[in-house]
Protein backbone atom coordinates (compact mmCIF):
# COMPACT_ATOMS: atom_id res chain seq x y z
CA MET A 1 0.11 0.01 0.15
CA ILE A 2 1.37 3.54 -0.89
CA THR A 3 0.91 6.32 1.27
CA THR A 4 -0.64 9.64 0.47
CA THR A 5 2.92 11.31 -0.96
CA CYS A 6 4.72 8.38 -2.04
CA GLN A 7 5.68 8.01 -5.43
CA THR A 8 5.99 4.69 -6.93
CA LEU A 9 7.39 3.41 -10.24
CA VAL A 10 5.64 -0.01 -11.94
CA LEU A 11 7.64 -1.51 -14.38
CA GLY A 12 6.91 -4.54 -16.38
CA GLY A 13 6.93 -6.34 -19.84
CA ILE A 14 3.97 -5.93 -22.34
CA ARG A 15 0.71 -7.30 -20.66
CA SER A 16 2.78 -8.13 -17.52
CA GLY A 17 -0.32 -6.44 -15.43
CA LYS A 18 1.74 -3.09 -14.68
CA THR A 19 -1.26 -0.96 -15.55
CA ALA A 20 -3.52 -2.75 -13.43
CA LEU A 21 -1.20 -2.69 -10.70
CA ALA A 22 -0.59 1.10 -11.28
CA GLU A 23 -4.50 1.64 -11.21
CA ALA A 24 -5.02 -0.19 -8.34
CA GLN A 25 -2.57 1.54 -6.19
CA ALA A 26 -3.73 4.79 -7.46
CA ALA A 27 -7.48 3.50 -6.60
CA ALA A 28 -6.68 2.86 -2.75
CA LEU A 29 -5.46 6.47 -1.91
CA PRO A 30 -7.92 9.03 -0.52
CA GLN A 31 -6.62 11.48 -2.75
CA PRO A 32 -8.77 12.44 -6.12
CA VAL A 33 -6.53 10.77 -9.17
CA VAL A 34 -6.12 12.03 -12.24
CA TYR A 35 -4.71 9.90 -15.43
CA VAL A 36 -2.17 11.43 -17.20
CA ALA A 37 -1.76 9.45 -20.80
CA THR A 38 1.22 9.93 -22.97
CA ALA A 39 -0.19 7.87 -25.69
CA THR A 40 -1.29 9.09 -29.10
CA ALA A 41 -3.85 7.23 -31.41
CA GLY A 42 -1.70 7.02 -34.63
CA ASP A 43 -3.53 3.75 -35.97
CA ASP A 44 -6.67 2.17 -35.50
CA GLU A 45 -5.45 -0.54 -33.24
CA MET A 46 -3.78 2.27 -30.91
CA ALA A 47 -7.02 3.92 -30.73
CA SER A 48 -8.72 0.65 -29.76
CA ARG A 49 -6.06 -0.10 -27.01
CA ILE A 50 -6.91 3.74 -25.51
CA SER A 51 -10.38 3.17 -25.61
CA ARG A 52 -10.25 -0.10 -24.20
CA HIS A 53 -7.96 1.69 -21.12
CA GLN A 54 -10.31 4.66 -20.79
CA ALA A 55 -13.87 2.24 -20.40
CA ILE A 56 -12.00 0.22 -17.47
CA ARG A 57 -10.93 3.41 -15.75
CA PRO A 58 -13.62 5.01 -13.09
CA GLN A 59 -15.11 7.67 -13.95
CA THR A 60 -14.47 9.71 -11.43
CA TRP A 61 -11.15 10.04 -12.44
CA GLY A 62 -9.26 12.92 -14.23
CA LEU A 63 -7.75 12.38 -17.39
CA VAL A 64 -5.00 14.53 -19.24
CA GLU A 65 -3.83 13.83 -22.35
CA GLU A 66 -0.37 14.74 -22.76
CA PRO A 67 2.33 13.17 -25.18
CA VAL A 68 5.28 15.18 -23.97
CA ASN A 69 5.45 17.95 -21.66
CA LEU A 70 4.94 15.92 -18.54
CA ALA A 71 6.66 18.68 -16.40
CA ARG A 72 3.97 21.19 -17.03
CA VAL A 73 1.40 18.78 -16.04
CA LEU A 74 3.01 17.96 -12.57
CA HIS A 75 3.89 21.76 -12.11
CA GLU A 76 0.01 22.87 -12.75
CA HIS A 77 -1.31 19.88 -10.50
CA ARG A 78 0.73 20.76 -7.34
CA GLN A 79 -0.70 23.88 -7.21
CA LEU A 80 -3.76 22.09 -6.41
CA SER A 81 -4.86 21.28 -2.16
CA PRO A 82 -4.71 18.33 -2.11
CA ALA A 83 -2.38 17.35 -4.80
CA PRO A 84 -3.95 14.56 -6.61
CA CYS A 85 -2.71 11.26 -7.36
CA LEU A 86 -1.47 11.40 -10.62
CA LEU A 87 -0.93 8.28 -12.44
CA ILE A 88 1.20 8.44 -15.63
CA ASP A 89 1.07 5.99 -18.04
CA CYS A 90 3.33 5.49 -19.83
CA MET A 91 7.16 6.33 -19.81
CA SER A 92 8.04 4.07 -22.88
CA LEU A 93 5.20 5.65 -25.12
CA TRP A 94 6.49 9.74 -23.64
CA LEU A 95 9.75 8.52 -24.53
CA SER A 96 9.01 7.49 -27.75
CA ASN A 97 7.02 10.55 -28.35
CA LEU A 98 10.53 12.65 -27.51
CA LEU A 99 12.75 10.35 -30.00
CA HIS A 100 10.60 11.67 -32.41
CA LEU A 101 10.98 15.12 -31.87
CA GLY A 102 14.77 14.98 -31.27
CA GLY A 103 17.70 14.97 -28.67
CA GLU A 104 17.44 18.51 -27.50
CA GLN A 105 13.53 18.22 -26.87
CA LEU A 106 14.33 14.75 -25.08
CA GLU A 107 16.65 15.72 -22.93
CA LEU A 108 15.16 18.97 -21.98
CA GLN A 109 12.02 17.21 -21.17
CA ARG A 110 13.64 14.13 -19.44
CA GLU A 111 15.14 17.04 -16.76
CA ALA A 112 12.53 19.03 -16.46
CA PHE A 113 10.09 15.77 -15.68
CA LEU A 114 12.85 14.57 -13.20
CA GLN A 115 12.73 18.01 -11.59
CA GLN A 116 9.22 18.35 -11.05
CA ILE A 117 9.16 14.66 -9.41
CA GLU A 118 11.00 15.46 -6.56
CA ALA A 119 8.92 18.99 -6.00
CA TYR A 120 5.36 17.30 -6.43
CA PRO A 121 3.55 17.17 -2.93
CA GLY A 122 1.35 14.51 -3.63
CA PRO A 123 1.28 10.50 -4.72
CA LEU A 124 2.71 9.30 -8.63
CA VAL A 125 2.06 6.37 -9.53
CA ILE A 126 4.46 5.94 -13.11
CA VAL A 127 4.30 3.23 -15.36
CA SER A 128 7.42 2.21 -17.43
CA ASN A 129 8.13 -1.07 -19.37
CA GLU A 130 11.22 -3.03 -18.69
CA THR A 131 12.99 -3.60 -21.93
CA GLY A 132 16.44 -4.48 -20.43
CA LEU A 133 15.25 -8.10 -20.11
CA GLY A 134 15.42 -8.92 -23.95
CA THR A 135 17.52 -8.85 -26.62
CA ILE A 136 19.42 -6.34 -27.67
CA GLY A 137 17.71 -4.27 -30.98
CA MET A 138 18.53 -4.86 -34.29
CA ASP A 139 18.40 -1.34 -35.53
CA PRO A 140 20.39 2.15 -33.99
CA LEU A 141 16.62 3.55 -33.38
CA THR A 142 15.28 0.55 -30.85
CA ARG A 143 19.10 0.32 -29.38
CA LYS A 144 18.43 3.99 -28.75
CA PHE A 145 15.08 3.46 -27.18
CA CYS A 146 16.36 0.61 -25.00
CA ASP A 147 19.18 2.69 -24.14
CA GLU A 148 17.09 5.79 -23.03
CA LEU A 149 14.29 4.14 -21.24
CA GLY A 150 17.09 2.19 -19.29
CA TRP A 151 18.46 5.24 -18.33
CA LEU A 152 15.04 7.28 -17.29
CA ASN A 153 13.72 4.31 -15.18
CA GLN A 154 16.93 4.13 -13.41
CA ALA A 155 16.44 7.96 -12.60
CA LEU A 156 13.06 7.23 -11.93
CA ALA A 157 13.98 4.23 -9.60
CA GLN A 158 16.34 6.76 -7.82
CA ARG A 159 13.85 9.45 -6.82
CA CYS A 160 10.62 6.99 -6.56
CA GLN A 161 10.25 5.37 -2.77
CA ARG A 162 8.65 2.51 -3.91
CA VAL A 163 9.45 0.50 -7.00
CA VAL A 164 7.49 -2.40 -8.18
CA MET A 165 7.92 -5.34 -10.94
CA ALA A 166 4.82 -6.46 -12.47
CA ILE A 167 5.25 -10.16 -13.49
CA ALA A 168 2.49 -12.34 -14.69
CA GLY A 169 -0.28 -9.70 -12.79
CA LEU A 170 1.78 -10.07 -9.59
CA PRO A 171 3.62 -7.58 -7.66
CA LEU A 172 7.37 -7.98 -6.55
CA ILE A 173 8.57 -5.07 -4.56
CA LEU A 174 12.36 -3.70 -5.88
CA LYS A 175 12.41 -0.88 -3.40
CA ASP A 176 10.07 0.23 -0.37
CA SER A 177 11.28 3.11 1.34
CA ILE A 178 8.07 3.97 3.15
CA THR A 179 7.89 1.03 5.00
CA ASN A 180 11.81 -0.49 5.26
CA PRO A 181 13.59 3.39 5.43
CA ALA A 182 16.91 1.47 5.21
CA GLU A 183 16.38 1.09 1.77
CA SER A 184 16.31 4.55 0.59
């Protein structure tokens, strides 16, 4: 269980159950929840995935669709009292959006987002894919994506009090400095 100000990173592979675990953690909090979606519907299959996700989310949750500027979203929501729980889904789609914008935007947005995580007064639940368990990509863009996501996940894990790995829908706690302060 996360506390009312805990930052949590939920990692996992494709269809590992990471989003469901993240949603359950956010739903258990007393704060209002705002779902921050980074996906864009570039084709019919992705539009269908987005629709499925929206259909199972509680109607009481807010929604912000932001494919690039997550730092701005955190900055705007930290002004609210109380700061809502932001469930950010997901880092791999966000990173992909940034890679298409180019290296300078990637670096600027990444650093701004990481700074806002440290300043956010409410709970955050951040979802990301773990690509470091697979094979090395065959092309430069895939290798760049995997490298950047691995570095981003490491930076997030340093800043988050809890890190959970979703495997077959089950949570494996990698870090919990809320209940085990020696792990921080």
